[in-house]
Structures are given as C-alpha cells and as structure tokens.
Amino acid sequence: MRRTVLEQFPAGDPRGSWPAEEFARARRDEGVPAEVVMDLDSDAFLVVIPQQAGEFRR
C-alpha cells in the first residue's frame, strides 16, 4: 500500500505523538482518512493518508 505524507512531527517532542495525533484528528474532522505512523528511519511521527488504487502522484 502506498501512502501520502501530509505532515511530519519530530519524535523527540516533549508532548510525544500528541501534535501528530491532533493534526490527524483535524484532518479526519475534514473528512480526510489521516492516521499517524512512526518512521523509525527519520525518528518522526508521520501523518499519512492511504493512496487510492488508480491514483498516481508524480
């Protein structure tokens, strides 16, 4: 599954994943299926949305 990253938040933030969760919740309130995942390589929380089949971004 491909995903589109909407925003990135540093994992070292004193509030942890809360800023990412708040951002994702705001997107979900707008109807965007956003979720938070951890990217270990960049040590960051990513807010992502699934890329629909047939949707292609360059």
N, C-alpha and C. Protein backbone atom coordinates (compact mmCIF):
# COMPACT_ATOMS: atom_id res chain seq x y z
N MET A 1 0.83 -1.17 0.00
CA MET A 1 0.00 0.00 0.00
C MET A 1 0.88 1.24 0.00
N ARG A 2 0.55 2.16 -0.86
CA ARG A 2 1.27 3.43 -0.91
C ARG A 2 0.55 4.44 -0.03
N ARG A 3 1.30 5.35 0.54
CA ARG A 3 0.73 6.38 1.41
C ARG A 3 1.28 7.74 1.02
N THR A 4 0.49 8.74 1.27
CA THR A 4 0.92 10.11 1.07
C THR A 4 1.14 10.75 2.43
N VAL A 5 2.31 11.36 2.63
CA VAL A 5 2.62 12.01 3.90
C VAL A 5 2.08 13.43 3.86
N LEU A 6 1.23 13.76 4.83
CA LEU A 6 0.68 15.11 4.94
C LEU A 6 1.57 16.02 5.78
N GLU A 7 2.13 15.47 6.86
CA GLU A 7 2.92 16.27 7.79
C GLU A 7 3.85 15.35 8.58
N GLN A 8 4.94 15.92 9.08
CA GLN A 8 5.93 15.17 9.85
C GLN A 8 6.18 15.91 11.16
N PHE A 9 6.25 15.17 12.28
CA PHE A 9 6.48 15.74 13.60
C PHE A 9 7.64 14.99 14.26
N PRO A 10 8.61 15.70 14.85
CA PRO A 10 9.75 15.03 15.47
C PRO A 10 9.32 14.17 16.66
N ALA A 11 9.89 12.99 16.75
CA ALA A 11 9.55 12.07 17.84
C ALA A 11 10.10 12.57 19.18
N GLY A 12 11.08 13.43 19.16
CA GLY A 12 11.67 13.94 20.38
C GLY A 12 10.88 15.08 21.03
N ASP A 13 9.74 15.43 20.47
CA ASP A 13 8.91 16.50 21.02
C ASP A 13 8.52 16.14 22.45
N PRO A 14 8.53 17.09 23.36
CA PRO A 14 8.16 16.79 24.75
C PRO A 14 6.73 16.24 24.89
N ARG A 15 5.87 16.54 23.96
CA ARG A 15 4.50 16.05 24.01
C ARG A 15 4.33 14.72 23.28
N GLY A 16 5.44 14.15 22.81
CA GLY A 16 5.36 12.86 22.13
C GLY A 16 4.59 12.93 20.83
N SER A 17 3.66 12.00 20.63
CA SER A 17 2.92 11.93 19.38
C SER A 17 1.68 12.82 19.39
N TRP A 18 1.41 13.52 20.48
CA TRP A 18 0.19 14.33 20.57
C TRP A 18 0.03 15.34 19.45
N PRO A 19 1.08 16.10 19.07
CA PRO A 19 0.89 17.05 17.97
C PRO A 19 0.47 16.35 16.67
N ALA A 20 1.06 15.21 16.41
CA ALA A 20 0.69 14.46 15.20
C ALA A 20 -0.74 13.94 15.30
N GLU A 21 -1.11 13.44 16.47
CA GLU A 21 -2.47 12.94 16.67
C GLU A 21 -3.50 14.06 16.53
N GLU A 22 -3.18 15.23 17.07
CA GLU A 22 -4.09 16.37 16.95
C GLU A 22 -4.25 16.80 15.50
N PHE A 23 -3.14 16.82 14.76
CA PHE A 23 -3.19 17.19 13.34
C PHE A 23 -4.02 16.17 12.56
N ALA A 24 -3.79 14.88 12.83
CA ALA A 24 -4.55 13.83 12.14
C ALA A 24 -6.04 13.92 12.46
N ARG A 25 -6.38 14.19 13.71
CA ARG A 25 -7.78 14.32 14.09
C ARG A 25 -8.45 15.47 13.35
N ALA A 26 -7.74 16.59 13.23
CA ALA A 26 -8.29 17.73 12.49
C ALA A 26 -8.55 17.37 11.03
N ARG A 27 -7.64 16.59 10.43
CA ARG A 27 -7.84 16.16 9.03
C ARG A 27 -9.04 15.21 8.93
N ARG A 28 -9.15 14.28 9.92
CA ARG A 28 -10.30 13.36 9.91
C ARG A 28 -11.61 14.12 10.07
N ASP A 29 -11.61 15.18 10.88
CA ASP A 29 -12.80 16.01 11.03
C ASP A 29 -13.18 16.68 9.71
N GLU A 30 -12.19 16.86 8.82
CA GLU A 30 -12.43 17.43 7.49
C GLU A 30 -12.81 16.36 6.47
N GLY A 31 -12.82 15.09 6.91
CA GLY A 31 -13.18 14.00 6.01
C GLY A 31 -12.00 13.31 5.35
N VAL A 32 -10.80 13.64 5.76
CA VAL A 32 -9.58 13.02 5.20
C VAL A 32 -9.21 11.84 6.09
N PRO A 33 -9.00 10.65 5.52
CA PRO A 33 -8.70 9.46 6.34
C PRO A 33 -7.25 9.43 6.84
N ALA A 34 -6.87 10.39 7.67
CA ALA A 34 -5.49 10.52 8.14
C ALA A 34 -5.23 9.60 9.33
N GLU A 35 -4.01 9.11 9.38
CA GLU A 35 -3.58 8.30 10.52
C GLU A 35 -2.12 8.62 10.83
N VAL A 36 -1.69 8.28 12.03
CA VAL A 36 -0.31 8.55 12.47
C VAL A 36 0.48 7.26 12.47
N VAL A 37 1.67 7.32 11.90
CA VAL A 37 2.59 6.19 11.90
C VAL A 37 3.96 6.70 12.36
N MET A 38 4.77 5.79 12.86
CA MET A 38 6.13 6.15 13.30
C MET A 38 7.11 5.74 12.21
N ASP A 39 7.95 6.68 11.82
CA ASP A 39 9.02 6.39 10.86
C ASP A 39 10.31 6.30 11.65
N LEU A 40 10.79 5.09 11.86
CA LEU A 40 11.99 4.88 12.67
C LEU A 40 13.24 5.45 12.01
N ASP A 41 13.30 5.41 10.68
CA ASP A 41 14.49 5.92 9.98
C ASP A 41 14.69 7.41 10.22
N SER A 42 13.60 8.18 10.21
CA SER A 42 13.73 9.62 10.40
C SER A 42 13.41 10.05 11.84
N ASP A 43 13.06 9.09 12.71
CA ASP A 43 12.71 9.36 14.10
C ASP A 43 11.63 10.44 14.18
N ALA A 44 10.54 10.17 13.44
CA ALA A 44 9.46 11.14 13.37
C ALA A 44 8.11 10.43 13.29
N PHE A 45 7.08 11.15 13.76
CA PHE A 45 5.71 10.69 13.57
C PHE A 45 5.21 11.30 12.27
N LEU A 46 4.65 10.47 11.41
CA LEU A 46 4.13 10.94 10.14
C LEU A 46 2.61 10.86 10.14
N VAL A 47 1.97 11.89 9.62
CA VAL A 47 0.53 11.84 9.39
C VAL A 47 0.36 11.49 7.92
N VAL A 48 -0.27 10.35 7.69
CA VAL A 48 -0.38 9.83 6.32
C VAL A 48 -1.83 9.54 5.97
N ILE A 49 -2.06 9.48 4.65
CA ILE A 49 -3.35 9.01 4.13
C ILE A 49 -3.04 7.92 3.11
N PRO A 50 -3.89 6.89 3.03
CA PRO A 50 -3.66 5.86 2.03
C PRO A 50 -3.90 6.42 0.63
N GLN A 51 -3.09 5.99 -0.32
CA GLN A 51 -3.26 6.41 -1.70
C GLN A 51 -4.21 5.42 -2.37
N GLN A 52 -5.27 5.92 -2.95
CA GLN A 52 -6.28 5.07 -3.57
C GLN A 52 -5.71 4.37 -4.80
N ALA A 53 -6.20 3.16 -5.07
CA ALA A 53 -5.83 2.44 -6.28
C ALA A 53 -6.24 3.29 -7.48
N GLY A 54 -5.37 3.39 -8.45
CA GLY A 54 -5.66 4.18 -9.62
C GLY A 54 -5.22 5.63 -9.48
N GLU A 55 -4.93 6.07 -8.28
CA GLU A 55 -4.44 7.42 -8.05
C GLU A 55 -2.93 7.36 -8.17
N PHE A 56 -2.37 8.23 -8.97
CA PHE A 56 -0.93 8.22 -9.19
C PHE A 56 -0.39 9.62 -9.02
N ARG A 57 0.60 9.78 -8.17
CA ARG A 57 1.24 11.08 -7.96
C ARG A 57 2.65 11.02 -8.50
N ARG A 58 3.09 12.09 -9.10
CA ARG A 58 4.45 12.19 -9.62
C ARG A 58 5.28 13.05 -8.75
